[in-house]
Amino acid sequence: MLEINIENGNDYTLCRPVGELDAYTVGQFREALTGLTEHARVLIDLSEVPFMDSAGLGALIGGIRRARESDGEVVVACSRPTLTRLLHTTGFDRIVPVTESIEDAEAAFGQANE
């Protein structure tokens, strides 16, 4: 089961999925990301995602692509070493900044397109 928490802040919108991102839950995640394309800055916190398969990674990349098509900016925070390793191994961190904390992700806004 997947729960997705969306919080609107002053400078960005926080998207925090809680649960596994896999073939069974990816539709819900994809739908949530599509709903965020109207926001200028989106921080995706994956720290409560214990597992993500290729379907989850694909949805994440697709959501980032749609956000950029709308001139949005996305950064990712993830404090789980196994998931962070996946994001680095796949080269995901070359697409958007990937940080270990929300505070570091907040600081990464503006650096994403440099």
C-alpha atoms as a PDB file:
ATOM      1  CA  MET A   1       0.000   0.000   0.000  1.00  0.00           C
ATOM      2  CA  LEU A   2       1.181   3.504  -0.841  1.00  0.00           C
ATOM      3  CA  GLU A   3       0.255   6.773   0.810  1.00  0.00           C
ATOM      4  CA  ILE A   4       1.225  10.053  -0.808  1.00  0.00           C
ATOM      5  CA  ASN A   5       1.379  13.197   1.290  1.00  0.00           C
ATOM      6  CA  ILE A   6       1.396  16.564  -0.475  1.00  0.00           C
ATOM      7  CA  GLU A   7       2.256  19.700   1.488  1.00  0.00           C
ATOM      8  CA  ASN A   8       2.284  23.200   0.053  1.00  0.00           C
ATOM      9  CA  GLY A   9       4.968  25.428   1.508  1.00  0.00           C
ATOM     10  CA  ASN A  10       6.014  28.982   0.800  1.00  0.00           C
ATOM     11  CA  ASP A  11       8.789  28.159  -1.643  1.00  0.00           C
ATOM     12  CA  TYR A  12       7.912  24.671  -2.906  1.00  0.00           C
ATOM     13  CA  THR A  13       5.456  21.809  -2.821  1.00  0.00           C
ATOM     14  CA  LEU A  14       6.544  18.686  -0.953  1.00  0.00           C
ATOM     15  CA  CYS A  15       5.552  15.280  -2.301  1.00  0.00           C
ATOM     16  CA  ARG A  16       6.249  12.493   0.179  1.00  0.00           C
ATOM     17  CA  PRO A  17       5.304   8.940  -0.871  1.00  0.00           C
ATOM     18  CA  VAL A  18       5.137   6.489   2.044  1.00  0.00           C
ATOM     19  CA  GLY A  19       5.408   2.833   1.083  1.00  0.00           C
ATOM     20  CA  GLU A  20       6.755   0.784  -1.787  1.00  0.00           C
ATOM     21  CA  LEU A  21       6.895   2.243  -5.296  1.00  0.00           C
ATOM     22  CA  ASP A  22       6.399  -0.728  -7.569  1.00  0.00           C
ATOM     23  CA  ALA A  23       4.230  -2.002 -10.413  1.00  0.00           C
ATOM     24  CA  TYR A  24       1.240  -2.223  -8.058  1.00  0.00           C
ATOM     25  CA  THR A  25       1.405   1.332  -6.716  1.00  0.00           C
ATOM     26  CA  VAL A  26       3.042   3.225  -9.579  1.00  0.00           C
ATOM     27  CA  GLY A  27      -0.261   4.422 -11.064  1.00  0.00           C
ATOM     28  CA  GLN A  28      -1.129   6.282  -7.885  1.00  0.00           C
ATOM     29  CA  PHE A  29       2.360   7.847  -7.764  1.00  0.00           C
ATOM     30  CA  ARG A  30       2.242   8.829 -11.440  1.00  0.00           C
ATOM     31  CA  GLU A  31      -1.160  10.468 -10.913  1.00  0.00           C
ATOM     32  CA  ALA A  32       0.140  12.450  -7.920  1.00  0.00           C
ATOM     33  CA  LEU A  33       3.152  13.687  -9.887  1.00  0.00           C
ATOM     34  CA  THR A  34       0.957  14.700 -12.815  1.00  0.00           C
ATOM     35  CA  GLY A  35      -1.089  16.814 -10.419  1.00  0.00           C
ATOM     36  CA  LEU A  36       2.056  18.646  -9.353  1.00  0.00           C
ATOM     37  CA  THR A  37       3.034  19.929 -12.798  1.00  0.00           C
ATOM     38  CA  GLU A  38       1.311  23.253 -12.080  1.00  0.00           C
ATOM     39  CA  HIS A  39       3.745  23.944  -9.230  1.00  0.00           C
ATOM     40  CA  ALA A  40       6.947  25.843  -9.986  1.00  0.00           C
ATOM     41  CA  ARG A  41       9.071  23.963  -7.435  1.00  0.00           C
ATOM     42  CA  VAL A  42       8.542  20.394  -6.268  1.00  0.00           C
ATOM     43  CA  LEU A  43      10.585  18.558  -3.664  1.00  0.00           C
ATOM     44  CA  ILE A  44      10.088  14.787  -3.733  1.00  0.00           C
ATOM     45  CA  ASP A  45      11.076  13.145  -0.456  1.00  0.00           C
ATOM     46  CA  LEU A  46      11.703   9.416  -0.936  1.00  0.00           C
ATOM     47  CA  SER A  47      12.913   8.825   2.618  1.00  0.00           C
ATOM     48  CA  GLU A  48       9.796   6.788   3.504  1.00  0.00           C
ATOM     49  CA  VAL A  49      10.061   4.551   0.421  1.00  0.00           C
ATOM     50  CA  PRO A  50      11.676   1.248   1.458  1.00  0.00           C
ATOM     51  CA  PHE A  51      11.621  -0.190  -2.082  1.00  0.00           C
ATOM     52  CA  MET A  52      11.371   1.174  -5.620  1.00  0.00           C
ATOM     53  CA  ASP A  53      11.462  -0.932  -8.779  1.00  0.00           C
ATOM     54  CA  SER A  54      11.921   0.127 -12.405  1.00  0.00           C
ATOM     55  CA  ALA A  55       8.231   1.070 -12.692  1.00  0.00           C
ATOM     56  CA  GLY A  56       8.624   3.506  -9.793  1.00  0.00           C
ATOM     57  CA  LEU A  57      11.815   4.920 -11.258  1.00  0.00           C
ATOM     58  CA  GLY A  58      10.107   5.338 -14.631  1.00  0.00           C
ATOM     59  CA  ALA A  59       7.182   7.185 -13.042  1.00  0.00           C
ATOM     60  CA  LEU A  60       9.608   9.439 -11.195  1.00  0.00           C
ATOM     61  CA  ILE A  61      11.493  10.280 -14.396  1.00  0.00           C
ATOM     62  CA  GLY A  62       8.233  10.862 -16.271  1.00  0.00           C
ATOM     63  CA  GLY A  63       6.980  13.193 -13.547  1.00  0.00           C
ATOM     64  CA  ILE A  64      10.195  15.184 -13.680  1.00  0.00           C
ATOM     65  CA  ARG A  65       9.966  15.431 -17.465  1.00  0.00           C
ATOM     66  CA  ARG A  66       6.386  16.737 -17.267  1.00  0.00           C
ATOM     67  CA  ALA A  67       7.369  19.261 -14.576  1.00  0.00           C
ATOM     68  CA  ARG A  68      10.201  20.563 -16.737  1.00  0.00           C
ATOM     69  CA  GLU A  69       7.893  20.833 -19.754  1.00  0.00           C
ATOM     70  CA  SER A  70       5.835  23.192 -17.576  1.00  0.00           C
ATOM     71  CA  ASP A  71       9.012  25.098 -16.610  1.00  0.00           C
ATOM     72  CA  GLY A  72       8.988  23.527 -13.152  1.00  0.00           C
ATOM     73  CA  GLU A  73      11.965  22.620 -11.014  1.00  0.00           C
ATOM     74  CA  VAL A  74      12.312  19.329  -9.131  1.00  0.00           C
ATOM     75  CA  VAL A  75      14.748  18.115  -6.489  1.00  0.00           C
ATOM     76  CA  VAL A  76      14.766  14.797  -4.648  1.00  0.00           C
ATOM     77  CA  ALA A  77      15.598  14.061  -1.015  1.00  0.00           C
ATOM     78  CA  CYS A  78      16.314  10.505   0.099  1.00  0.00           C
ATOM     79  CA  SER A  79      17.880   9.354   3.353  1.00  0.00           C
ATOM     80  CA  ARG A  80      17.758   5.614   2.488  1.00  0.00           C
ATOM     81  CA  PRO A  81      21.220   4.425   1.391  1.00  0.00           C
ATOM     82  CA  THR A  82      19.916   1.576  -0.791  1.00  0.00           C
ATOM     83  CA  LEU A  83      17.535   3.844  -2.670  1.00  0.00           C
ATOM     84  CA  THR A  84      20.117   6.611  -2.964  1.00  0.00           C
ATOM     85  CA  ARG A  85      22.546   4.071  -4.404  1.00  0.00           C
ATOM     86  CA  LEU A  86      19.913   3.068  -6.994  1.00  0.00           C
ATOM     87  CA  LEU A  87      19.416   6.703  -7.989  1.00  0.00           C
ATOM     88  CA  HIS A  88      23.175   7.213  -8.378  1.00  0.00           C
ATOM     89  CA  THR A  89      23.790   3.888 -10.168  1.00  0.00           C
ATOM     90  CA  THR A  90      21.083   4.559 -12.746  1.00  0.00           C
ATOM     91  CA  GLY A  91      22.361   8.091 -13.385  1.00  0.00           C
ATOM     92  CA  PHE A  92      19.160   9.623 -12.055  1.00  0.00           C
ATOM     93  CA  ASP A  93      21.227  12.129 -10.073  1.00  0.00           C
ATOM     94  CA  ARG A  94      22.456  13.585 -13.382  1.00  0.00           C
ATOM     95  CA  ILE A  95      18.850  14.538 -14.217  1.00  0.00           C
ATOM     96  CA  VAL A  96      17.946  16.264 -10.934  1.00  0.00           C
ATOM     97  CA  PRO A  97      19.746  16.956  -7.671  1.00  0.00           C
ATOM     98  CA  VAL A  98      19.508  14.086  -5.171  1.00  0.00           C
ATOM     99  CA  THR A  99      20.264  15.005  -1.570  1.00  0.00           C
ATOM    100  CA  GLU A 100      20.171  13.157   1.752  1.00  0.00           C
ATOM    101  CA  SER A 101      17.945  15.633   3.596  1.00  0.00           C
ATOM    102  CA  ILE A 102      15.077  18.017   2.966  1.00  0.00           C
ATOM    103  CA  GLU A 103      17.281  20.904   4.091  1.00  0.00           C
ATOM    104  CA  ASP A 104      19.921  20.022   1.471  1.00  0.00           C
ATOM    105  CA  ALA A 105      17.202  19.612  -1.146  1.00  0.00           C
ATOM    106  CA  GLU A 106      15.832  23.067  -0.326  1.00  0.00           C
ATOM    107  CA  ALA A 107      19.324  24.474  -0.894  1.00  0.00           C
ATOM    108  CA  ALA A 108      19.563  22.609  -4.220  1.00  0.00           C
ATOM    109  CA  PHE A 109      16.699  24.591  -5.772  1.00  0.00           C
ATOM    110  CA  GLY A 110      18.187  26.955  -8.318  1.00  0.00           C
ATOM    111  CA  GLN A 111      21.142  24.625  -8.880  1.00  0.00           C
ATOM    112  CA  ALA A 112      19.045  22.076 -10.769  1.00  0.00           C
ATOM    113  CA  ASN A 113      19.284  23.901 -14.089  1.00  0.00           C
ATOM    114  CA  GLU A 114      22.864  25.161 -13.794  1.00  0.00           C
END
